[in-house]
Amino acid sequence: MKLASLKQGGRDGSLIVVSQDLTRAIACPQIALTLQQALDDWSSTAPQLQAIYHSLCEAEAPQESFPFDPHQAASPLPRAYQFLDGSAYVNHVELVRRSRGVEMPQSFWTDPLMYQGLSDSFLAPHDPMPFINDDTDWGADFEGEIAVITDDVPMGVKLEDAEQHIALVLLCNDISLRLLAAQELQKGFGFVQCKPASSFSPVAVSVAELGQHWRDGRLQLPLRCTLNEELFGEPHAGTDMVFNFPQLIVHAAKTRRLLAGTIIGSGTVSNRDRQVGSSCIVERRTLETLESGKASTPFLRTGDRVHMEVLDDSGHSIFGAIEQEAVPFQSPDKQTPGAR
């Protein structure tokens, strides 16, 4: 099944079921008003939502269905109790550290990296990215990732049980301010300022819906990223993913429960095959530095447009597209009152 949240209905949006081809939708307030409410009782609500999904995908959709407009969609969870972002594509980490002349600990290949990111307000998939600072260059970058949303996960969950706790799969643009990251890393404590609000695909999809494209706890399809309508990279999400999502869940739940609605990101999708390109600017800059001694690709500038999407074997969008424009941030006195 495929689920989304309309922006209307408050800070947590309004849950809708979306057809397989992403053209029609139907509200389901009799089951749950929001996706978080559905996740809180997932064992009960999931079968009911699945039944609505089947009816919506039939030749004659229910009369109460309406056209689905991804521009009216918030991120599937407009805010979440927890967002944990990993770095499962260790190739990406190794590249970036090499460019800085920093040694790569062998433990990175056996023990996942993970940080706790901002989760109290996500950008919608078609919202602008307001992180361009004309006075001070923050090094704004996009990061194409795969993510999952869990149901309730017990502390110390076993690896063989972890995958059953994946409720939904979605795409993530984990926006990063690279030059601020360099400053924060020097402090040796953690990310805060360099990790503003991320955005997610318009639609979240069940593992069963992905079928053959989900295997070994990984999405087995390329993530296509374009910058200003030009292909930036199309790395395969299932290739070179050192830690799969069950392993990331086990890592996250080692000393804590994960409540329903926890989002876990894969980290930047990255392949060792350089011909497929990259899903973030800093990786391309790293490769340029390693090859010629100097990075030539600039970080995001005002007006730059980022597009992320995963297509099935027939060329149809599975999650809908993340499509965002980089814009200057506004000082508080210029922001709209009550705006998120």
Protein backbone atom coordinates (compact mmCIF):
# COMPACT_ATOMS: atom_id res chain seq x y z
CA MET A 1 0.00 0.00 0.00
CA LYS A 2 0.93 3.63 -0.37
CA LEU A 3 0.22 6.33 2.23
CA ALA A 4 0.65 10.10 2.34
CA SER A 5 -0.25 13.10 4.50
CA LEU A 6 -1.92 16.23 3.21
CA LYS A 7 -0.67 19.52 4.64
CA GLN A 8 -4.15 20.42 5.86
CA GLY A 9 -5.31 19.19 9.24
CA GLY A 10 -2.74 20.60 11.63
CA ARG A 11 0.91 19.95 12.36
CA ASP A 12 0.61 16.20 11.76
CA GLY A 13 -1.31 16.57 8.51
CA SER A 14 -4.21 14.39 7.34
CA LEU A 15 -3.64 10.74 6.42
CA ILE A 16 -4.67 9.57 2.96
CA VAL A 17 -4.31 6.32 1.03
CA VAL A 18 -2.80 6.80 -2.46
CA SER A 19 -3.33 4.60 -5.50
CA GLN A 20 -0.46 2.54 -6.93
CA ASP A 21 -0.05 4.90 -9.90
CA LEU A 22 -0.10 7.95 -7.59
CA THR A 23 -3.09 9.51 -9.38
CA ARG A 24 -5.93 9.04 -6.87
CA ALA A 25 -6.29 9.27 -3.09
CA ILE A 26 -8.89 8.73 -0.42
CA ALA A 27 -9.14 9.98 3.15
CA CYS A 28 -9.67 7.44 5.93
CA PRO A 29 -10.61 9.33 9.13
CA GLN A 30 -12.64 6.32 10.31
CA ILE A 31 -9.35 4.43 10.65
CA ALA A 32 -6.87 7.16 11.60
CA LEU A 33 -6.70 10.93 11.23
CA THR A 34 -2.92 10.99 10.91
CA LEU A 35 -0.18 8.57 9.93
CA GLN A 36 1.22 8.72 13.45
CA GLN A 37 -2.16 7.68 14.82
CA ALA A 38 -2.20 4.75 12.40
CA LEU A 39 1.32 3.70 13.40
CA ASP A 40 0.43 3.79 17.09
CA ASP A 41 -1.97 0.87 16.46
CA TRP A 42 -0.30 -0.54 13.35
CA SER A 43 -1.30 -4.18 13.79
CA SER A 44 -4.94 -3.10 13.66
CA THR A 45 -4.86 -0.19 11.21
CA ALA A 46 -2.52 -1.65 8.58
CA PRO A 47 -4.96 -4.35 7.38
CA GLN A 48 -7.77 -1.78 7.22
CA LEU A 49 -5.63 0.66 5.23
CA GLN A 50 -4.55 -2.19 2.95
CA ALA A 51 -8.21 -2.99 2.20
CA ILE A 52 -8.87 0.64 1.24
CA TYR A 53 -5.75 0.58 -0.93
CA HIS A 54 -7.01 -2.45 -2.84
CA SER A 55 -10.37 -0.80 -3.49
CA LEU A 56 -8.65 2.41 -4.61
CA CYS A 57 -6.51 0.53 -7.14
CA GLU A 58 -9.47 -1.25 -8.73
CA ALA A 59 -10.71 -0.24 -12.18
CA GLU A 60 -13.50 1.83 -10.67
CA ALA A 61 -12.12 3.77 -7.72
CA PRO A 62 -14.47 4.60 -4.82
CA GLN A 63 -16.68 7.62 -5.48
CA GLU A 64 -15.18 9.51 -2.55
CA SER A 65 -11.65 9.35 -3.99
CA PHE A 66 -10.01 12.48 -5.41
CA PRO A 67 -6.99 13.37 -7.57
CA PHE A 68 -3.69 13.11 -5.70
CA ASP A 69 -1.58 16.27 -5.90
CA PRO A 70 1.92 15.74 -4.48
CA HIS A 71 2.32 19.51 -4.16
CA GLN A 72 -0.37 19.41 -1.46
CA ALA A 73 1.43 16.66 0.44
CA ALA A 74 3.54 17.10 3.53
CA SER A 75 6.27 14.60 4.28
CA PRO A 76 4.40 11.38 5.22
CA LEU A 77 5.23 12.12 8.85
CA PRO A 78 5.29 15.95 9.00
CA ARG A 79 7.02 15.55 12.36
CA ALA A 80 8.26 12.44 14.13
CA TYR A 81 9.16 11.40 17.63
CA GLN A 82 12.59 10.32 16.44
CA PHE A 83 14.78 10.53 13.32
CA LEU A 84 17.94 8.44 13.41
CA ASP A 85 20.20 8.71 10.40
CA GLY A 86 22.85 6.11 9.68
CA SER A 87 25.73 5.93 7.23
CA ALA A 88 25.20 2.49 5.75
CA TYR A 89 27.10 3.23 2.53
CA VAL A 90 30.54 3.17 4.10
CA ASN A 91 32.14 3.89 0.75
CA HIS A 92 30.78 7.44 1.04
CA VAL A 93 32.30 7.89 4.52
CA GLU A 94 35.66 6.54 3.38
CA LEU A 95 35.77 8.92 0.40
CA VAL A 96 35.00 12.02 2.43
CA ARG A 97 37.54 11.14 5.13
CA ARG A 98 40.21 10.47 2.51
CA SER A 99 39.66 13.92 1.03
CA ARG A 100 40.28 15.42 4.48
CA GLY A 101 43.33 13.24 5.08
CA VAL A 102 41.62 11.56 8.03
CA GLU A 103 42.24 7.87 8.70
CA MET A 104 39.29 5.50 8.31
CA PRO A 105 38.82 3.31 11.42
CA GLN A 106 38.21 -0.35 10.52
CA SER A 107 35.32 -0.40 13.00
CA PHE A 108 33.27 1.71 10.57
CA TRP A 109 32.91 -1.43 8.41
CA THR A 110 31.55 -3.53 11.28
CA ASP A 111 29.64 -1.11 13.52
CA PRO A 112 27.15 1.37 11.98
CA LEU A 113 27.52 5.12 12.32
CA MET A 114 24.32 6.86 13.41
CA TYR A 115 23.25 10.23 14.77
CA GLN A 116 19.97 11.63 16.05
CA GLY A 117 18.66 14.32 13.75
CA LEU A 118 16.02 17.03 13.84
CA SER A 119 12.53 15.52 13.78
CA ASP A 120 10.05 18.04 15.20
CA SER A 121 9.35 19.58 11.78
CA PHE A 122 10.18 18.18 8.35
CA LEU A 123 9.96 20.03 5.06
CA ALA A 124 7.33 18.90 2.57
CA PRO A 125 8.66 17.19 -0.59
CA HIS A 126 7.98 20.27 -2.73
CA ASP A 127 8.84 22.94 -0.15
CA PRO A 128 11.82 25.21 -0.86
CA MET A 129 15.10 24.61 0.98
CA PRO A 130 15.61 27.87 2.92
CA PHE A 131 19.25 27.39 3.86
CA ILE A 132 21.18 29.62 1.47
CA ASN A 133 23.02 32.38 3.34
CA ASP A 134 24.27 35.20 1.10
CA ASP A 135 26.39 36.68 3.90
CA THR A 136 28.11 33.50 5.08
CA ASP A 137 28.52 30.38 2.92
CA TRP A 138 27.20 27.39 4.87
CA GLY A 139 27.92 24.87 2.11
CA ALA A 140 24.31 23.78 1.54
CA ASP A 141 24.04 20.27 0.10
CA PHE A 142 21.36 17.71 -0.68
CA GLU A 143 21.67 14.05 0.32
CA GLY A 144 19.62 11.35 -1.38
CA GLU A 145 18.72 8.57 1.05
CA ILE A 146 16.35 5.67 1.58
CA ALA A 147 14.52 5.60 4.91
CA VAL A 148 12.12 3.40 6.84
CA ILE A 149 9.43 4.10 9.41
CA THR A 150 9.10 1.55 12.21
CA ASP A 151 6.29 0.36 14.39
CA ASP A 152 7.08 -0.23 18.09
CA VAL A 153 10.50 -1.86 18.39
CA PRO A 154 11.55 -3.43 21.71
CA MET A 155 14.92 -2.60 23.22
CA GLY A 156 17.49 -5.23 22.29
CA VAL A 157 15.50 -6.53 19.32
CA LYS A 158 17.16 -9.53 17.63
CA LEU A 159 18.38 -9.25 14.05
CA GLU A 160 16.07 -12.03 12.86
CA ASP A 161 13.07 -10.10 14.24
CA ALA A 162 14.03 -6.57 13.20
CA GLU A 163 12.73 -6.53 9.62
CA GLN A 164 9.16 -7.26 10.71
CA HIS A 165 9.16 -3.89 12.47
CA ILE A 166 9.57 -1.95 9.21
CA ALA A 167 6.15 -0.45 8.57
CA LEU A 168 6.91 1.77 5.57
CA VAL A 169 9.72 2.75 3.20
CA LEU A 170 10.29 6.24 1.75
CA LEU A 171 12.89 8.58 0.27
CA CYS A 172 14.74 11.29 2.17
CA ASN A 173 16.57 14.47 1.25
CA ASP A 174 18.80 14.85 4.29
CA ILE A 175 19.86 18.46 3.79
CA SER A 176 23.31 19.24 5.16
CA LEU A 177 25.28 22.44 5.69
CA ARG A 178 28.76 21.09 5.02
CA LEU A 179 30.85 24.03 6.14
CA LEU A 180 29.03 24.19 9.45
CA ALA A 181 29.53 20.42 9.77
CA ALA A 182 33.29 20.87 9.58
CA GLN A 183 33.14 23.31 12.48
CA GLU A 184 30.92 21.06 14.59
CA LEU A 185 33.03 17.96 13.94
CA GLN A 186 36.06 19.77 15.33
CA LYS A 187 34.23 20.07 18.65
CA GLY A 188 33.87 16.29 18.79
CA PHE A 189 30.36 16.31 20.21
CA GLY A 190 27.75 16.03 17.47
CA PHE A 191 25.66 17.56 14.70
CA VAL A 192 23.16 20.33 15.46
CA GLN A 193 23.46 23.45 13.33
CA CYS A 194 24.65 21.65 10.20
CA LYS A 195 21.58 19.39 10.08
CA PRO A 196 18.44 21.48 9.49
CA ALA A 197 15.03 20.08 8.53
CA SER A 198 15.06 17.16 6.08
CA SER A 199 12.32 16.33 3.60
CA PHE A 200 10.75 13.04 2.55
CA SER A 201 9.00 11.68 -0.52
CA PRO A 202 5.27 12.46 -0.92
CA VAL A 203 4.39 8.80 -0.44
CA ALA A 204 5.52 6.08 1.97
CA VAL A 205 5.22 2.50 0.72
CA SER A 206 4.81 -0.83 2.49
CA VAL A 207 7.51 -3.47 2.09
CA ALA A 208 4.96 -5.86 0.55
CA GLU A 209 4.16 -3.29 -2.13
CA LEU A 210 7.83 -3.19 -3.17
CA GLY A 211 7.80 -6.92 -3.93
CA GLN A 212 10.94 -8.08 -5.76
CA HIS A 213 12.47 -4.64 -5.33
CA TRP A 214 12.92 -5.27 -1.61
CA ARG A 215 15.45 -7.96 -0.78
CA ASP A 216 17.93 -8.60 2.04
CA GLY A 217 16.56 -5.65 3.99
CA ARG A 218 17.44 -3.23 1.16
CA LEU A 219 15.66 -1.38 -1.64
CA GLN A 220 16.93 -2.95 -4.85
CA LEU A 221 16.54 0.00 -7.23
CA PRO A 222 18.57 3.07 -8.26
CA LEU A 223 17.96 6.46 -6.65
CA ARG A 224 17.93 9.07 -9.41
CA CYS A 225 19.07 12.57 -8.43
CA THR A 226 19.11 15.58 -10.75
CA LEU A 227 20.40 19.11 -10.17
CA ASN A 228 18.88 21.82 -12.35
CA GLU A 229 17.34 19.16 -14.63
CA GLU A 230 20.72 17.49 -15.28
CA LEU A 231 21.46 13.99 -14.03
CA PHE A 232 23.72 14.23 -10.98
CA GLY A 233 23.77 10.56 -10.05
CA GLU A 234 21.85 7.32 -10.14
CA PRO A 235 23.51 5.02 -7.58
CA HIS A 236 21.81 1.71 -6.83
CA ALA A 237 20.34 1.61 -3.33
CA GLY A 238 20.91 -2.12 -2.92
CA THR A 239 24.54 -2.15 -4.02
CA ASP A 240 27.35 -1.33 -1.57
CA MET A 241 24.93 -0.87 1.35
CA VAL A 242 27.14 -2.38 4.05
CA PHE A 243 24.48 -2.35 6.79
CA ASN A 244 20.91 -3.19 5.82
CA PHE A 245 17.85 -1.74 7.56
CA PRO A 246 17.37 -4.64 10.02
CA GLN A 247 20.98 -4.11 11.13
CA LEU A 248 20.40 -0.38 11.50
CA ILE A 249 17.29 -1.06 13.59
CA VAL A 250 19.22 -3.45 15.84
CA HIS A 251 21.94 -0.83 16.29
CA ALA A 252 19.42 1.90 17.14
CA ALA A 253 17.48 -0.28 19.59
CA LYS A 254 20.50 -1.64 21.49
CA THR A 255 19.80 0.45 24.60
CA ARG A 256 16.37 1.99 23.93
CA ARG A 257 12.91 1.21 22.66
CA LEU A 258 11.98 2.73 19.32
CA LEU A 259 8.42 3.98 19.48
CA ALA A 260 6.12 3.69 16.49
CA GLY A 261 6.86 6.44 14.01
CA THR A 262 10.64 6.31 14.42
CA ILE A 263 12.38 7.12 11.12
CA ILE A 264 15.72 5.51 10.30
CA GLY A 265 17.72 6.80 7.34
CA SER A 266 20.30 4.89 5.33
CA GLY A 267 22.72 7.74 4.88
CA THR A 268 23.81 8.99 1.45
CA VAL A 269 23.31 6.32 -1.22
CA SER A 270 26.73 5.71 -2.73
CA ASN A 271 28.30 3.15 -5.07
CA ARG A 272 31.92 2.26 -5.66
CA ASP A 273 31.20 2.45 -9.39
CA ARG A 274 32.07 6.08 -10.15
CA GLN A 275 30.19 5.94 -13.48
CA VAL A 276 26.79 6.06 -11.74
CA GLY A 277 27.45 9.46 -10.17
CA SER A 278 26.62 10.65 -6.67
CA SER A 279 23.57 11.52 -4.60
CA CYS A 280 25.16 14.50 -2.86
CA ILE A 281 27.45 17.38 -3.82
CA VAL A 282 30.16 16.72 -1.25
CA GLU A 283 30.87 13.28 -2.68
CA ARG A 284 31.35 14.71 -6.16
CA ARG A 285 33.58 17.44 -4.71
CA THR A 286 35.55 14.76 -2.89
CA LEU A 287 36.13 12.79 -6.10
CA GLU A 288 37.18 15.98 -7.88
CA THR A 289 39.66 16.74 -5.10
CA LEU A 290 41.11 13.24 -5.18
CA GLU A 291 41.44 13.30 -8.98
CA SER A 292 42.68 16.85 -9.62
CA GLY A 293 43.51 18.31 -6.21
CA LYS A 294 40.62 20.78 -6.31
CA ALA A 295 36.82 20.67 -6.06
CA SER A 296 35.00 22.45 -8.88
CA THR A 297 31.32 21.69 -8.23
CA PRO A 298 29.78 24.44 -6.07
CA PHE A 299 27.45 23.82 -3.18
CA LEU A 300 23.79 24.78 -3.62
CA ARG A 301 23.11 28.35 -4.66
CA THR A 302 19.92 30.39 -4.82
CA GLY A 303 17.62 29.02 -7.50
CA ASP A 304 19.21 25.57 -7.74
CA ARG A 305 16.59 22.81 -8.13
CA VAL A 306 17.02 19.30 -6.73
CA HIS A 307 14.94 16.32 -7.87
CA MET A 308 15.01 12.80 -6.33
CA GLU A 309 12.97 9.82 -7.46
CA VAL A 310 12.95 6.02 -7.67
CA LEU A 311 11.37 4.41 -10.73
CA ASP A 312 10.22 0.81 -11.13
CA ASP A 313 11.13 -1.43 -14.07
CA SER A 314 8.40 0.20 -16.17
CA GLY A 315 9.59 3.73 -15.45
CA HIS A 316 6.78 4.55 -13.02
CA SER A 317 7.49 6.55 -9.87
CA ILE A 318 7.15 4.46 -6.71
CA PHE A 319 7.34 7.09 -3.95
CA GLY A 320 6.66 10.25 -5.94
CA ALA A 321 9.38 12.85 -6.32
CA ILE A 322 11.18 15.12 -3.90
CA GLU A 323 11.57 18.34 -5.85
CA GLN A 324 12.93 21.40 -4.04
CA GLU A 325 14.47 24.76 -4.84
CA ALA A 326 17.26 26.36 -2.81
CA VAL A 327 16.23 29.78 -1.49
CA PRO A 328 17.71 32.29 1.00
CA PHE A 329 16.63 31.84 4.57
CA GLN A 330 14.54 34.60 6.10
CA SER A 331 15.33 36.32 9.37
CA PRO A 332 12.62 35.94 12.04
CA ASP A 333 11.21 39.42 11.49
CA LYS A 334 10.46 38.51 7.84
CA GLN A 335 8.93 35.09 8.41
CA THR A 336 5.20 34.51 8.20
CA PRO A 337 3.69 34.19 11.71
CA GLY A 338 2.90 30.57 12.51
CA ALA A 339 4.81 29.24 9.51
CA ARG A 340 6.57 25.90 9.93
